[in-house]
N, C-alpha and C. Protein backbone atom coordinates (compact mmCIF):
# COMPACT_ATOMS: atom_id res chain seq x y z
N MET A 1 0.85 -1.18 0.00
CA MET A 1 0.00 0.00 0.00
C MET A 1 0.90 1.24 0.00
N THR A 2 0.53 2.21 -0.79
CA THR A 2 1.22 3.49 -0.81
C THR A 2 0.43 4.49 0.02
N ILE A 3 1.04 5.62 0.31
CA ILE A 3 0.32 6.64 1.08
C ILE A 3 -0.86 7.17 0.27
N GLU A 4 -0.72 7.21 -1.05
CA GLU A 4 -1.83 7.64 -1.90
C GLU A 4 -3.00 6.66 -1.80
N ASP A 5 -2.68 5.36 -1.76
CA ASP A 5 -3.72 4.34 -1.58
C ASP A 5 -4.44 4.53 -0.25
N TYR A 6 -3.66 4.79 0.79
CA TYR A 6 -4.23 5.00 2.12
C TYR A 6 -5.22 6.16 2.11
N PHE A 7 -4.79 7.30 1.58
CA PHE A 7 -5.68 8.47 1.57
C PHE A 7 -6.91 8.23 0.69
N GLY A 8 -6.72 7.55 -0.44
CA GLY A 8 -7.85 7.25 -1.31
C GLY A 8 -8.86 6.34 -0.63
N LYS A 9 -8.36 5.35 0.07
CA LYS A 9 -9.24 4.41 0.79
C LYS A 9 -9.93 5.10 1.96
N LEU A 10 -9.21 6.00 2.61
CA LEU A 10 -9.75 6.69 3.78
C LEU A 10 -11.01 7.48 3.43
N THR A 11 -11.04 8.09 2.26
CA THR A 11 -12.19 8.92 1.87
C THR A 11 -13.43 8.09 1.57
N THR A 12 -13.25 6.81 1.27
CA THR A 12 -14.40 5.99 0.91
C THR A 12 -14.74 4.90 1.92
N SER A 13 -13.80 4.53 2.78
CA SER A 13 -14.03 3.38 3.65
C SER A 13 -14.67 3.73 4.99
N VAL A 14 -14.56 4.97 5.42
CA VAL A 14 -15.14 5.36 6.71
C VAL A 14 -16.60 5.74 6.49
N LYS A 15 -17.47 5.08 7.23
CA LYS A 15 -18.90 5.33 7.08
C LYS A 15 -19.28 6.71 7.61
N PRO A 16 -20.15 7.42 6.90
CA PRO A 16 -20.54 8.77 7.32
C PRO A 16 -21.05 8.86 8.75
N GLU A 17 -21.76 7.84 9.20
CA GLU A 17 -22.31 7.90 10.56
C GLU A 17 -21.20 7.87 11.63
N VAL A 18 -20.05 7.29 11.30
CA VAL A 18 -18.91 7.28 12.23
C VAL A 18 -18.33 8.69 12.38
N LEU A 19 -18.48 9.50 11.34
CA LEU A 19 -17.92 10.85 11.34
C LEU A 19 -18.89 11.90 11.86
N GLU A 20 -20.08 11.48 12.23
CA GLU A 20 -21.10 12.42 12.68
C GLU A 20 -20.61 13.26 13.86
N GLY A 21 -20.73 14.56 13.72
CA GLY A 21 -20.34 15.48 14.78
C GLY A 21 -18.86 15.82 14.81
N ILE A 22 -18.07 15.24 13.94
CA ILE A 22 -16.64 15.53 13.91
C ILE A 22 -16.37 16.62 12.87
N ASP A 23 -15.65 17.63 13.31
CA ASP A 23 -15.27 18.75 12.45
C ASP A 23 -13.83 19.09 12.79
N THR A 24 -12.88 18.58 12.00
CA THR A 24 -11.47 18.78 12.33
C THR A 24 -10.60 18.78 11.09
N VAL A 25 -9.37 19.23 11.28
CA VAL A 25 -8.36 19.20 10.23
C VAL A 25 -7.12 18.53 10.83
N ILE A 26 -6.54 17.59 10.07
CA ILE A 26 -5.36 16.87 10.53
C ILE A 26 -4.29 16.96 9.46
N ASN A 27 -3.11 17.45 9.86
CA ASN A 27 -1.97 17.54 8.96
C ASN A 27 -1.14 16.27 9.01
N PHE A 28 -0.59 15.89 7.87
CA PHE A 28 0.35 14.79 7.76
C PHE A 28 1.63 15.36 7.15
N ASP A 29 2.67 15.48 7.95
CA ASP A 29 3.96 15.97 7.48
C ASP A 29 4.87 14.76 7.28
N MET A 30 5.08 14.42 6.02
CA MET A 30 5.85 13.22 5.70
C MET A 30 7.18 13.59 5.04
N LYS A 31 7.86 14.55 5.66
CA LYS A 31 9.20 14.95 5.20
C LYS A 31 9.20 15.37 3.73
N GLY A 32 8.43 16.40 3.43
CA GLY A 32 8.39 16.94 2.08
C GLY A 32 7.19 16.51 1.26
N LYS A 33 6.44 15.58 1.75
CA LYS A 33 5.24 15.11 1.05
C LYS A 33 4.06 15.35 1.98
N ASP A 34 3.67 16.61 2.09
CA ASP A 34 2.66 17.00 3.05
C ASP A 34 1.25 16.87 2.49
N ALA A 35 0.33 16.55 3.39
CA ALA A 35 -1.08 16.46 3.04
C ALA A 35 -1.88 16.79 4.30
N HIS A 36 -3.13 17.10 4.11
CA HIS A 36 -4.02 17.26 5.26
C HIS A 36 -5.39 16.73 4.89
N ILE A 37 -6.09 16.29 5.93
CA ILE A 37 -7.45 15.83 5.72
C ILE A 37 -8.39 16.77 6.47
N ILE A 38 -9.55 16.92 5.89
CA ILE A 38 -10.60 17.69 6.53
C ILE A 38 -11.77 16.75 6.77
N VAL A 39 -12.21 16.69 8.01
CA VAL A 39 -13.38 15.90 8.37
C VAL A 39 -14.48 16.90 8.69
N LYS A 40 -15.50 16.89 7.85
CA LYS A 40 -16.60 17.85 8.00
C LYS A 40 -17.82 17.31 7.27
N ASP A 41 -18.97 17.59 7.81
CA ASP A 41 -20.23 17.17 7.18
C ASP A 41 -20.26 15.67 6.88
N ASN A 42 -19.78 14.88 7.85
CA ASN A 42 -19.80 13.42 7.76
C ASN A 42 -18.99 12.86 6.59
N ALA A 43 -17.93 13.57 6.18
CA ALA A 43 -17.09 13.11 5.08
C ALA A 43 -15.64 13.49 5.35
N ILE A 44 -14.73 12.75 4.71
CA ILE A 44 -13.30 13.04 4.78
C ILE A 44 -12.84 13.44 3.39
N THR A 45 -12.15 14.57 3.31
CA THR A 45 -11.53 14.98 2.06
C THR A 45 -10.03 15.13 2.29
N VAL A 46 -9.25 14.81 1.27
CA VAL A 46 -7.79 14.86 1.35
C VAL A 46 -7.29 15.97 0.44
N HIS A 47 -6.31 16.72 0.95
CA HIS A 47 -5.75 17.84 0.19
C HIS A 47 -4.23 17.81 0.30
N GLU A 48 -3.56 18.29 -0.74
CA GLU A 48 -2.10 18.40 -0.70
C GLU A 48 -1.70 19.58 0.16
N GLY A 49 -0.50 19.51 0.73
CA GLY A 49 0.04 20.60 1.52
C GLY A 49 -0.50 20.60 2.93
N SER A 50 0.04 21.51 3.73
CA SER A 50 -0.37 21.63 5.13
C SER A 50 -1.46 22.66 5.29
N ALA A 51 -2.30 22.45 6.29
CA ALA A 51 -3.34 23.42 6.63
C ALA A 51 -2.86 24.21 7.84
N GLU A 52 -3.13 25.50 7.85
CA GLU A 52 -2.69 26.35 8.96
C GLU A 52 -3.45 26.08 10.25
N SER A 53 -4.69 25.71 10.14
CA SER A 53 -5.54 25.59 11.33
C SER A 53 -5.80 24.14 11.74
N ALA A 54 -4.81 23.29 11.63
CA ALA A 54 -5.00 21.87 11.96
C ALA A 54 -5.08 21.66 13.47
N GLU A 55 -5.99 20.80 13.86
CA GLU A 55 -6.12 20.44 15.27
C GLU A 55 -4.99 19.51 15.69
N VAL A 56 -4.56 18.65 14.76
CA VAL A 56 -3.51 17.68 15.02
C VAL A 56 -2.55 17.67 13.84
N SER A 57 -1.26 17.53 14.13
CA SER A 57 -0.26 17.33 13.08
C SER A 57 0.50 16.04 13.38
N ILE A 58 0.60 15.20 12.37
CA ILE A 58 1.33 13.94 12.47
C ILE A 58 2.58 14.09 11.62
N THR A 59 3.73 13.88 12.23
CA THR A 59 5.00 14.00 11.53
C THR A 59 5.71 12.66 11.55
N ALA A 60 6.07 12.18 10.36
CA ALA A 60 6.76 10.89 10.24
C ALA A 60 7.28 10.74 8.82
N LYS A 61 8.29 9.88 8.67
CA LYS A 61 8.67 9.51 7.31
C LYS A 61 7.52 8.68 6.74
N GLU A 62 7.35 8.77 5.45
CA GLU A 62 6.25 8.04 4.82
C GLU A 62 6.32 6.55 5.14
N SER A 63 7.50 5.96 5.10
CA SER A 63 7.63 4.52 5.36
C SER A 63 7.24 4.18 6.80
N ASP A 64 7.59 5.05 7.75
CA ASP A 64 7.21 4.79 9.15
C ASP A 64 5.70 4.91 9.35
N LEU A 65 5.09 5.90 8.72
CA LEU A 65 3.65 6.07 8.82
C LEU A 65 2.93 4.87 8.20
N LEU A 66 3.40 4.42 7.05
CA LEU A 66 2.78 3.26 6.41
C LEU A 66 2.95 2.00 7.27
N SER A 67 4.06 1.88 7.95
CA SER A 67 4.28 0.74 8.83
C SER A 67 3.25 0.71 9.96
N VAL A 68 2.92 1.89 10.49
CA VAL A 68 1.88 1.98 11.52
C VAL A 68 0.51 1.66 10.92
N ILE A 69 0.22 2.26 9.78
CA ILE A 69 -1.08 2.05 9.11
C ILE A 69 -1.28 0.57 8.78
N ASN A 70 -0.23 -0.09 8.32
CA ASN A 70 -0.33 -1.50 7.94
C ASN A 70 -0.34 -2.45 9.14
N GLY A 71 -0.12 -1.91 10.34
CA GLY A 71 -0.13 -2.74 11.53
C GLY A 71 1.20 -3.42 11.81
N ASP A 72 2.25 -3.06 11.07
CA ASP A 72 3.56 -3.66 11.28
C ASP A 72 4.29 -3.04 12.47
N THR A 73 3.95 -1.81 12.82
CA THR A 73 4.56 -1.11 13.93
C THR A 73 3.47 -0.61 14.87
N ASN A 74 3.66 -0.84 16.15
CA ASN A 74 2.73 -0.35 17.16
C ASN A 74 2.84 1.18 17.22
N PRO A 75 1.71 1.90 17.15
CA PRO A 75 1.76 3.36 17.15
C PRO A 75 2.44 3.94 18.39
N MET A 76 2.20 3.37 19.55
CA MET A 76 2.82 3.87 20.78
C MET A 76 4.33 3.66 20.75
N MET A 77 4.76 2.52 20.22
CA MET A 77 6.18 2.24 20.11
C MET A 77 6.83 3.21 19.12
N ALA A 78 6.15 3.48 18.02
CA ALA A 78 6.67 4.43 17.03
C ALA A 78 6.83 5.81 17.65
N MET A 79 5.88 6.21 18.49
CA MET A 79 5.98 7.50 19.17
C MET A 79 7.15 7.51 20.14
N MET A 80 7.31 6.46 20.92
CA MET A 80 8.39 6.40 21.90
C MET A 80 9.76 6.38 21.23
N MET A 81 9.85 5.80 20.04
CA MET A 81 11.12 5.75 19.32
C MET A 81 11.36 7.02 18.50
N GLY A 82 10.39 7.94 18.52
CA GLY A 82 10.55 9.19 17.78
C GLY A 82 10.27 9.08 16.30
N LYS A 83 9.73 7.96 15.86
CA LYS A 83 9.42 7.78 14.44
C LYS A 83 8.08 8.40 14.05
N LEU A 84 7.25 8.64 15.04
CA LEU A 84 5.92 9.22 14.83
C LEU A 84 5.73 10.30 15.88
N LYS A 85 5.51 11.52 15.41
CA LYS A 85 5.29 12.64 16.33
C LYS A 85 3.88 13.17 16.11
N ILE A 86 3.19 13.39 17.21
CA ILE A 86 1.81 13.88 17.15
C ILE A 86 1.72 15.14 17.99
N SER A 87 1.25 16.23 17.38
CA SER A 87 1.23 17.52 18.05
C SER A 87 0.21 17.61 19.19
N ASN A 88 -0.87 16.88 19.09
CA ASN A 88 -1.93 16.95 20.08
C ASN A 88 -2.43 15.52 20.35
N PRO A 89 -1.67 14.75 21.17
CA PRO A 89 -2.02 13.35 21.39
C PRO A 89 -3.43 13.13 21.94
N GLY A 90 -3.90 14.03 22.80
CA GLY A 90 -5.24 13.90 23.36
C GLY A 90 -6.31 13.92 22.29
N ALA A 91 -6.21 14.87 21.38
CA ALA A 91 -7.17 14.95 20.28
C ALA A 91 -7.01 13.77 19.33
N MET A 92 -5.77 13.37 19.10
CA MET A 92 -5.51 12.27 18.17
C MET A 92 -6.15 10.98 18.64
N MET A 93 -6.26 10.79 19.94
CA MET A 93 -6.91 9.58 20.47
C MET A 93 -8.35 9.47 19.99
N LYS A 94 -9.00 10.61 19.77
CA LYS A 94 -10.39 10.59 19.28
C LYS A 94 -10.47 10.12 17.84
N TYR A 95 -9.38 10.34 17.07
CA TYR A 95 -9.43 10.08 15.63
C TYR A 95 -8.60 8.88 15.18
N ALA A 96 -7.78 8.33 16.04
CA ALA A 96 -6.84 7.27 15.64
C ALA A 96 -7.54 6.07 15.03
N LYS A 97 -8.62 5.64 15.63
CA LYS A 97 -9.33 4.45 15.12
C LYS A 97 -9.95 4.74 13.75
N ILE A 98 -10.54 5.90 13.61
CA ILE A 98 -11.15 6.29 12.33
C ILE A 98 -10.10 6.30 11.23
N LEU A 99 -8.89 6.79 11.55
CA LEU A 99 -7.84 6.91 10.57
C LEU A 99 -7.07 5.61 10.36
N GLY A 100 -7.42 4.58 11.11
CA GLY A 100 -6.74 3.30 10.97
C GLY A 100 -5.34 3.29 11.58
N LEU A 101 -5.13 4.15 12.55
CA LEU A 101 -3.82 4.21 13.20
C LEU A 101 -3.79 3.42 14.50
N MET A 102 -4.89 2.78 14.85
CA MET A 102 -4.94 1.94 16.05
C MET A 102 -5.81 0.74 15.77
């Protein structure tokens, strides 16, 4: 799976009712390959580049992020090893399952 596959699947695989009441922006900083997602109106949209008003920013090399997404690396272990940095861990806990990061 590539990061593009992940983002493409994310927009179609999460059921709208799971997103009900969620209104957030999450940045993905993948060392030069930045993207952000917007969760609004029971849908997820993916955009290139970083958003200024993100509630959470996830910073990781693309390969490390994919390892977490694929279940090959435990997200907590990746954070402890410094391979995955999350700007707002408390908020991220609300979204990790939806994003397939847990």
